[in-house]
Amino acid sequence: VAAAKKVSDVVIVSAHWGDENVSAPTD
């Protein structure tokens, strides 16, 4: 993120996470 902020105005992150077939975010 630190490197990204040096070369861009906006930082977008893709996050592949969570439990399958569960509609509530995990800890």
PDB file of all heavy atoms in Angstrom:
ATOM      1  N   VAL A   1       0.839  -1.206   0.000  1.00  0.00           N
ATOM      2  CA  VAL A   1       0.000   0.000   0.000  1.00  0.00           C
ATOM      3  C   VAL A   1       0.872   1.254   0.000  1.00  0.00           C
ATOM      4  O   VAL A   1       0.585   2.224  -0.714  1.00  0.00           O
ATOM      5  CB  VAL A   1      -0.964  -0.002   1.204  1.00  0.00           C
ATOM      6  CG1 VAL A   1      -1.716   1.329   1.283  1.00  0.00           C
ATOM      7  CG2 VAL A   1      -1.959  -1.157   1.089  1.00  0.00           C
ATOM      8  N   ALA A   2       1.943   1.238   0.773  1.00  0.00           N
ATOM      9  CA  ALA A   2       2.857   2.388   0.795  1.00  0.00           C
ATOM     10  C   ALA A   2       3.438   2.638  -0.590  1.00  0.00           C
ATOM     11  O   ALA A   2       3.524   3.791  -1.049  1.00  0.00           O
ATOM     12  CB  ALA A   2       3.968   2.155   1.808  1.00  0.00           C
ATOM     13  N   ALA A   3       3.839   1.566  -1.269  1.00  0.00           N
ATOM     14  CA  ALA A   3       4.387   1.703  -2.627  1.00  0.00           C
ATOM     15  C   ALA A   3       3.322   2.183  -3.600  1.00  0.00           C
ATOM     16  O   ALA A   3       3.599   3.006  -4.480  1.00  0.00           O
ATOM     17  CB  ALA A   3       4.957   0.363  -3.083  1.00  0.00           C
ATOM     18  N   ALA A   4       2.104   1.679  -3.432  1.00  0.00           N
ATOM     19  CA  ALA A   4       1.008   2.070  -4.320  1.00  0.00           C
ATOM     20  C   ALA A   4       0.664   3.550  -4.176  1.00  0.00           C
ATOM     21  O   ALA A   4       0.392   4.238  -5.166  1.00  0.00           O
ATOM     22  CB  ALA A   4      -0.223   1.208  -4.041  1.00  0.00           C
ATOM     23  N   LYS A   5       0.681   4.040  -2.953  1.00  0.00           N
ATOM     24  CA  LYS A   5       0.334   5.443  -2.713  1.00  0.00           C
ATOM     25  C   LYS A   5       1.360   6.400  -3.315  1.00  0.00           C
ATOM     26  O   LYS A   5       1.044   7.548  -3.628  1.00  0.00           O
ATOM     27  CB  LYS A   5       0.165   5.685  -1.218  1.00  0.00           C
ATOM     28  CG  LYS A   5      -1.039   4.941  -0.631  1.00  0.00           C
ATOM     29  CD  LYS A   5      -1.140   5.094   0.865  1.00  0.00           C
ATOM     30  CE  LYS A   5      -1.757   6.409   1.255  1.00  0.00           C
ATOM     31  NZ  LYS A   5      -2.074   6.467   2.702  1.00  0.00           N
ATOM     32  N   LYS A   6       2.580   5.915  -3.505  1.00  0.00           N
ATOM     33  CA  LYS A   6       3.624   6.760  -4.093  1.00  0.00           C
ATOM     34  C   LYS A   6       3.414   6.973  -5.591  1.00  0.00           C
ATOM     35  O   LYS A   6       3.885   7.966  -6.146  1.00  0.00           O
ATOM     36  CB  LYS A   6       4.999   6.136  -3.854  1.00  0.00           C
ATOM     37  CG  LYS A   6       5.473   6.202  -2.409  1.00  0.00           C
ATOM     38  CD  LYS A   6       6.844   5.559  -2.260  1.00  0.00           C
ATOM     39  CE  LYS A   6       7.334   5.621  -0.813  1.00  0.00           C
ATOM     40  NZ  LYS A   6       8.663   4.968  -0.666  1.00  0.00           N
ATOM     41  N   VAL A   7       2.723   6.036  -6.236  1.00  0.00           N
ATOM     42  CA  VAL A   7       2.600   6.104  -7.697  1.00  0.00           C
ATOM     43  C   VAL A   7       1.166   6.322  -8.167  1.00  0.00           C
ATOM     44  O   VAL A   7       0.887   6.279  -9.367  1.00  0.00           O
ATOM     45  CB  VAL A   7       3.163   4.822  -8.351  1.00  0.00           C
ATOM     46  CG1 VAL A   7       4.650   4.697  -8.086  1.00  0.00           C
ATOM     47  CG2 VAL A   7       2.416   3.579  -7.874  1.00  0.00           C
ATOM     48  N   SER A   8       0.238   6.555  -7.230  1.00  0.00           N
ATOM     49  CA  SER A   8      -1.161   6.709  -7.637  1.00  0.00           C
ATOM     50  C   SER A   8      -1.897   7.674  -6.720  1.00  0.00           C
ATOM     51  O   SER A   8      -1.425   8.018  -5.637  1.00  0.00           O
ATOM     52  CB  SER A   8      -1.873   5.347  -7.628  1.00  0.00           C
ATOM     53  OG  SER A   8      -1.952   4.832  -6.310  1.00  0.00           O
ATOM     54  N   ASP A   9      -3.065   8.085  -7.180  1.00  0.00           N
ATOM     55  CA  ASP A   9      -3.926   8.971  -6.403  1.00  0.00           C
ATOM     56  C   ASP A   9      -4.965   8.192  -5.602  1.00  0.00           C
ATOM     57  O   ASP A   9      -5.465   8.666  -4.588  1.00  0.00           O
ATOM     58  CB  ASP A   9      -4.651   9.942  -7.345  1.00  0.00           C
ATOM     59  CG  ASP A   9      -3.698  10.700  -8.244  1.00  0.00           C
ATOM     60  OD1 ASP A   9      -2.857  11.438  -7.714  1.00  0.00           O
ATOM     61  OD2 ASP A   9      -3.784  10.540  -9.478  1.00  0.00           O
ATOM     62  N   VAL A  10      -5.301   6.994  -6.088  1.00  0.00           N
ATOM     63  CA  VAL A  10      -6.336   6.151  -5.480  1.00  0.00           C
ATOM     64  C   VAL A  10      -5.813   4.727  -5.398  1.00  0.00           C
ATOM     65  O   VAL A  10      -5.179   4.235  -6.336  1.00  0.00           O
ATOM     66  CB  VAL A  10      -7.635   6.175  -6.321  1.00  0.00           C
ATOM     67  CG1 VAL A  10      -8.667   5.199  -5.763  1.00  0.00           C
ATOM     68  CG2 VAL A  10      -8.212   7.583  -6.385  1.00  0.00           C
ATOM     69  N   VAL A  11      -6.086   4.056  -4.273  1.00  0.00           N
ATOM     70  CA  VAL A  11      -5.671   2.660  -4.102  1.00  0.00           C
ATOM     71  C   VAL A  11      -6.917   1.772  -4.029  1.00  0.00           C
ATOM     72  O   VAL A  11      -7.779   1.967  -3.173  1.00  0.00           O
ATOM     73  CB  VAL A  11      -4.817   2.463  -2.836  1.00  0.00           C
ATOM     74  CG1 VAL A  11      -4.399   0.997  -2.710  1.00  0.00           C
ATOM     75  CG2 VAL A  11      -3.586   3.361  -2.866  1.00  0.00           C
ATOM     76  N   ILE A  12      -6.986   0.796  -4.947  1.00  0.00           N
ATOM     77  CA  ILE A  12      -8.078  -0.175  -4.988  1.00  0.00           C
ATOM     78  C   ILE A  12      -7.514  -1.541  -4.633  1.00  0.00           C
ATOM     79  O   ILE A  12      -6.482  -1.952  -5.170  1.00  0.00           O
ATOM     80  CB  ILE A  12      -8.716  -0.233  -6.392  1.00  0.00           C
ATOM     81  CG1 ILE A  12      -9.274   1.142  -6.787  1.00  0.00           C
ATOM     82  CG2 ILE A  12      -9.813  -1.297  -6.447  1.00  0.00           C
ATOM     83  CD1 ILE A  12      -9.710   1.226  -8.239  1.00  0.00           C
ATOM     84  N   VAL A  13      -8.185  -2.248  -3.738  1.00  0.00           N
ATOM     85  CA  VAL A  13      -7.735  -3.583  -3.324  1.00  0.00           C
ATOM     86  C   VAL A  13      -8.823  -4.606  -3.608  1.00  0.00           C
ATOM     87  O   VAL A  13      -9.992  -4.384  -3.301  1.00  0.00           O
ATOM     88  CB  VAL A  13      -7.378  -3.608  -1.820  1.00  0.00           C
ATOM     89  CG1 VAL A  13      -7.159  -5.046  -1.342  1.00  0.00           C
ATOM     90  CG2 VAL A  13      -6.135  -2.778  -1.540  1.00  0.00           C
ATOM     91  N   SER A  14      -8.408  -5.722  -4.190  1.00  0.00           N
ATOM     92  CA  SER A  14      -9.293  -6.881  -4.318  1.00  0.00           C
ATOM     93  C   SER A  14      -8.973  -7.843  -3.188  1.00  0.00           C
ATOM     94  O   SER A  14      -7.810  -8.177  -2.963  1.00  0.00           O
ATOM     95  CB  SER A  14      -9.083  -7.568  -5.668  1.00  0.00           C
ATOM     96  OG  SER A  14      -9.784  -8.800  -5.704  1.00  0.00           O
ATOM     97  N   ALA A  15     -10.022  -8.284  -2.486  1.00  0.00           N
ATOM     98  CA  ALA A  15      -9.842  -9.165  -1.323  1.00  0.00           C
ATOM     99  C   ALA A  15     -10.635 -10.451  -1.514  1.00  0.00           C
ATOM    100  O   ALA A  15     -11.865 -10.434  -1.525  1.00  0.00           O
ATOM    101  CB  ALA A  15     -10.291  -8.451  -0.051  1.00  0.00           C
ATOM    102  N   HIS A  16      -9.918 -11.566  -1.662  1.00  0.00           N
ATOM    103  CA  HIS A  16     -10.560 -12.871  -1.781  1.00  0.00           C
ATOM    104  C   HIS A  16     -10.561 -13.488  -0.389  1.00  0.00           C
ATOM    105  O   HIS A  16      -9.542 -14.012   0.081  1.00  0.00           O
ATOM    106  CB  HIS A  16      -9.797 -13.744  -2.774  1.00  0.00           C
ATOM    107  CG  HIS A  16     -10.651 -14.790  -3.424  1.00  0.00           C
ATOM    108  ND1 HIS A  16     -11.539 -14.503  -4.444  1.00  0.00           N
ATOM    109  CD2 HIS A  16     -10.769 -16.118  -3.192  1.00  0.00           C
ATOM    110  CE1 HIS A  16     -12.154 -15.600  -4.825  1.00  0.00           C
ATOM    111  NE2 HIS A  16     -11.722 -16.595  -4.068  1.00  0.00           N
ATOM    112  N   TRP A  17     -11.722 -13.451   0.281  1.00  0.00           N
ATOM    113  CA  TRP A  17     -11.776 -13.740   1.709  1.00  0.00           C
ATOM    114  C   TRP A  17     -13.166 -14.210   2.110  1.00  0.00           C
ATOM    115  O   TRP A  17     -14.080 -14.275   1.295  1.00  0.00           O
ATOM    116  CB  TRP A  17     -11.386 -12.493   2.493  1.00  0.00           C
ATOM    117  CG  TRP A  17     -12.239 -11.251   2.196  1.00  0.00           C
ATOM    118  CD1 TRP A  17     -13.338 -11.159   1.367  1.00  0.00           C
ATOM    119  CD2 TRP A  17     -12.044  -9.944   2.720  1.00  0.00           C
ATOM    120  NE1 TRP A  17     -13.842  -9.874   1.352  1.00  0.00           N
ATOM    121  CE2 TRP A  17     -13.065  -9.100   2.162  1.00  0.00           C
ATOM    122  CE3 TRP A  17     -11.128  -9.367   3.584  1.00  0.00           C
ATOM    123  CZ2 TRP A  17     -13.182  -7.739   2.455  1.00  0.00           C
ATOM    124  CZ3 TRP A  17     -11.241  -8.010   3.881  1.00  0.00           C
ATOM    125  CH2 TRP A  17     -12.245  -7.216   3.318  1.00  0.00           C
ATOM    126  N   GLY A  18     -13.332 -14.548   3.375  1.00  0.00           N
ATOM    127  CA  GLY A  18     -14.647 -14.903   3.909  1.00  0.00           C
ATOM    128  C   GLY A  18     -14.944 -16.394   3.843  1.00  0.00           C
ATOM    129  O   GLY A  18     -14.211 -17.179   3.254  1.00  0.00           O
ATOM    130  N   ASP A  19     -16.067 -16.772   4.466  1.00  0.00           N
ATOM    131  CA  ASP A  19     -16.520 -18.164   4.475  1.00  0.00           C
ATOM    132  C   ASP A  19     -17.540 -18.384   3.371  1.00  0.00           C
ATOM    133  O   ASP A  19     -18.445 -17.559   3.169  1.00  0.00           O
ATOM    134  CB  ASP A  19     -17.154 -18.513   5.822  1.00  0.00           C
ATOM    135  CG  ASP A  19     -16.128 -18.603   6.943  1.00  0.00           C
ATOM    136  OD1 ASP A  19     -14.921 -18.693   6.632  1.00  0.00           O
ATOM    137  OD2 ASP A  19     -16.538 -18.568   8.120  1.00  0.00           O
ATOM    138  N   GLU A  20     -17.418 -19.496   2.679  1.00  0.00           N
ATOM    139  CA  GLU A  20     -18.340 -19.798   1.589  1.00  0.00           C
ATOM    140  C   GLU A  20     -19.768 -19.969   2.107  1.00  0.00           C
ATOM    141  O   GLU A  20     -20.009 -20.576   3.148  1.00  0.00           O
ATOM    142  CB  GLU A  20     -17.890 -21.055   0.849  1.00  0.00           C
ATOM    143  CG  GLU A  20     -16.584 -20.863   0.097  1.00  0.00           C
ATOM    144  CD  GLU A  20     -16.245 -22.043  -0.803  1.00  0.00           C
ATOM    145  OE1 GLU A  20     -17.048 -22.993  -0.867  1.00  0.00           O
ATOM    146  OE2 GLU A  20     -15.182 -22.006  -1.444  1.00  0.00           O
ATOM    147  N   ASN A  21     -20.701 -19.397   1.342  1.00  0.00           N
ATOM    148  CA  ASN A  21     -22.139 -19.503   1.614  1.00  0.00           C
ATOM    149  C   ASN A  21     -22.558 -18.890   2.940  1.00  0.00           C
ATOM    150  O   ASN A  21     -23.596 -19.251   3.503  1.00  0.00           O
ATOM    151  CB  ASN A  21     -22.592 -20.965   1.539  1.00  0.00           C
ATOM    152  CG  ASN A  21     -22.369 -21.559   0.164  1.00  0.00           C
ATOM    153  OD1 ASN A  21     -22.801 -21.006  -0.841  1.00  0.00           O
ATOM    154  ND2 ASN A  21     -21.666 -22.682   0.112  1.00  0.00           N
ATOM    155  N   VAL A  22     -21.775 -17.931   3.419  1.00  0.00           N
ATOM    156  CA  VAL A  22     -22.104 -17.206   4.648  1.00  0.00           C
ATOM    157  C   VAL A  22     -22.222 -15.727   4.297  1.00  0.00           C
ATOM    158  O   VAL A  22     -21.297 -15.133   3.749  1.00  0.00           O
ATOM    159  CB  VAL A  22     -21.029 -17.419   5.734  1.00  0.00           C
ATOM    160  CG1 VAL A  22     -21.346 -16.576   6.966  1.00  0.00           C
ATOM    161  CG2 VAL A  22     -20.925 -18.897   6.093  1.00  0.00           C
ATOM    162  N   SER A  23     -23.348 -15.128   4.654  1.00  0.00           N
ATOM    163  CA  SER A  23     -23.616 -13.752   4.232  1.00  0.00           C
ATOM    164  C   SER A  23     -23.053 -12.695   5.179  1.00  0.00           C
ATOM    165  O   SER A  23     -23.107 -11.503   4.872  1.00  0.00           O
ATOM    166  CB  SER A  23     -25.129 -13.533   4.071  1.00  0.00           C
ATOM    167  OG  SER A  23     -25.798 -13.787   5.295  1.00  0.00           O
ATOM    168  N   ALA A  24     -22.512 -13.106   6.314  1.00  0.00           N
ATOM    169  CA  ALA A  24     -21.942 -12.158   7.275  1.00  0.00           C
ATOM    170  C   ALA A  24     -20.414 -12.198   7.194  1.00  0.00           C
ATOM    171  O   ALA A  24     -19.813 -13.273   7.136  1.00  0.00           O
ATOM    172  CB  ALA A  24     -22.391 -12.491   8.691  1.00  0.00           C
ATOM    173  N   PRO A  25     -19.767 -11.035   7.221  1.00  0.00           N
ATOM    174  CA  PRO A  25     -18.301 -11.006   7.214  1.00  0.00           C
ATOM    175  C   PRO A  25     -17.722 -11.682   8.448  1.00  0.00           C
ATOM    176  O   PRO A  25     -18.276 -11.585   9.546  1.00  0.00           O
ATOM    177  CB  PRO A  25     -17.979  -9.507   7.202  1.00  0.00           C
ATOM    178  CG  PRO A  25     -19.213  -8.836   6.705  1.00  0.00           C
ATOM    179  CD  PRO A  25     -20.350  -9.680   7.185  1.00  0.00           C
ATOM    180  N   THR A  26     -16.596 -12.349   8.268  1.00  0.00           N
ATOM    181  CA  THR A  26     -15.915 -13.011   9.373  1.00  0.00           C
ATOM    182  C   THR A  26     -15.019 -12.014  10.115  1.00  0.00           C
ATOM    183  O   THR A  26     -14.775 -10.901   9.648  1.00  0.00           O
ATOM    184  CB  THR A  26     -15.040 -14.160   8.856  1.00  0.00           C
ATOM    185  OG1 THR A  26     -14.013 -13.602   8.007  1.00  0.00           O
ATOM    186  CG2 THR A  26     -15.866 -15.162   8.062  1.00  0.00           C
ATOM    187  N   ASP A  27     -14.500 -12.452  11.255  1.00  0.00           N
ATOM    188  CA  ASP A  27     -13.549 -11.616  11.994  1.00  0.00           C
ATOM    189  C   ASP A  27     -12.300 -11.352  11.149  1.00  0.00           C
ATOM    190  O   ASP A  27     -11.716 -10.265  11.227  1.00  0.00           O
ATOM    191  CB  ASP A  27     -13.153 -12.294  13.303  1.00  0.00           C
ATOM    192  CG  ASP A  27     -14.296 -12.319  14.314  1.00  0.00           C
ATOM    193  OD1 ASP A  27     -15.242 -11.512  14.153  1.00  0.00           O
ATOM    194  OD2 ASP A  27     -14.237 -13.138  15.255  1.00  0.00           O
TER     195      ASP A  27
END
